[in-house]
Amino acid sequence: MTVTKIYKFTDIDCPNCAAKAEAKIKKIKGVQDVAIAFFAQKVFITAEESDFAEIYPAAVKAVQAVEADCELIELK
């Protein structure tokens, strides 16, 4: 079943860095779609529900490659 999970992100300070993080998350195997709402500080990731066990840690690594202190906190 395809779902979209919403995460709050912290410590990404500029829209350019958010765009870089979004591009990195898009490359993760299993991710069907991703969108970062910079001003809302949210990341929307669409994938098969069963793939999130692998996608979430990969997404954390991807955003931390752009901004080392960034965290992703699941909202939905």
Protein backbone atom coordinates (compact mmCIF):
# COMPACT_ATOMS: atom_id res chain seq x y z
CA MET A 1 0.00 0.00 0.00
CA THR A 2 1.41 3.39 -1.02
CA VAL A 3 1.43 5.98 1.75
CA THR A 4 2.77 9.47 2.31
CA LYS A 5 4.52 10.03 5.61
CA ILE A 6 5.12 13.49 6.96
CA TYR A 7 8.24 14.41 8.92
CA LYS A 8 9.24 17.61 10.67
CA PHE A 9 12.82 18.60 9.97
CA THR A 10 15.09 20.69 12.15
CA ASP A 11 18.20 22.75 11.52
CA ILE A 12 18.02 23.23 7.76
CA ASP A 13 18.61 26.95 7.51
CA CYS A 14 18.07 27.81 3.86
CA PRO A 15 15.83 26.82 0.95
CA ASN A 16 18.89 25.84 -1.11
CA CYS A 17 19.92 23.26 1.49
CA ALA A 18 16.34 21.98 1.62
CA ALA A 19 16.39 21.52 -2.16
CA LYS A 20 19.67 19.59 -1.90
CA ALA A 21 18.18 17.34 0.79
CA GLU A 22 15.08 16.76 -1.34
CA ALA A 23 17.22 15.74 -4.31
CA LYS A 24 19.15 13.26 -2.16
CA ILE A 25 15.96 11.73 -0.73
CA LYS A 26 14.52 11.31 -4.26
CA LYS A 27 17.45 9.01 -5.08
CA ILE A 28 16.65 6.58 -2.25
CA LYS A 29 15.45 3.21 -3.50
CA GLY A 30 11.70 2.85 -3.03
CA VAL A 31 10.89 6.56 -2.77
CA GLN A 32 8.12 7.37 -5.23
CA ASP A 33 7.87 11.07 -4.47
CA VAL A 34 9.27 13.60 -2.02
CA ALA A 35 8.53 17.23 -1.34
CA ILE A 36 10.05 19.56 1.21
CA ALA A 37 7.99 22.49 2.43
CA PHE A 38 10.86 24.66 3.70
CA PHE A 39 8.85 27.32 5.52
CA ALA A 40 6.57 24.72 7.13
CA GLN A 41 9.67 22.63 7.99
CA LYS A 42 8.04 19.45 6.70
CA VAL A 43 9.12 16.62 4.44
CA PHE A 44 6.51 14.54 2.61
CA ILE A 45 7.76 11.13 1.45
CA THR A 46 5.59 8.80 -0.63
CA ALA A 47 6.49 5.12 -0.86
CA GLU A 48 5.19 1.65 -0.17
CA GLU A 49 4.49 1.39 3.54
CA SER A 50 6.66 -1.72 3.85
CA ASP A 51 9.68 0.17 2.45
CA PHE A 52 9.78 2.86 5.16
CA ALA A 53 11.85 0.68 7.49
CA GLU A 54 14.71 1.16 5.00
CA ILE A 55 13.74 4.57 3.63
CA TYR A 56 13.60 6.45 6.95
CA PRO A 57 17.21 5.79 8.05
CA ALA A 58 18.41 6.49 4.50
CA ALA A 59 16.47 9.78 4.49
CA VAL A 60 18.05 10.77 7.81
CA LYS A 61 21.50 10.10 6.36
CA ALA A 62 20.60 12.07 3.24
CA VAL A 63 19.53 15.20 5.11
CA GLN A 64 22.48 14.93 7.50
CA ALA A 65 24.81 14.85 4.50
CA VAL A 66 23.50 18.34 3.71
CA GLU A 67 23.16 19.61 7.29
CA ALA A 68 24.84 17.49 9.96
CA ASP A 69 22.51 18.55 12.80
CA CYS A 70 19.26 17.93 10.91
CA GLU A 71 16.71 15.56 12.41
CA LEU A 72 13.57 14.04 10.90
CA ILE A 73 10.68 13.56 13.30
CA GLU A 74 7.69 11.57 12.07
CA LEU A 75 4.38 13.44 12.29
CA LYS A 76 2.11 11.09 10.34
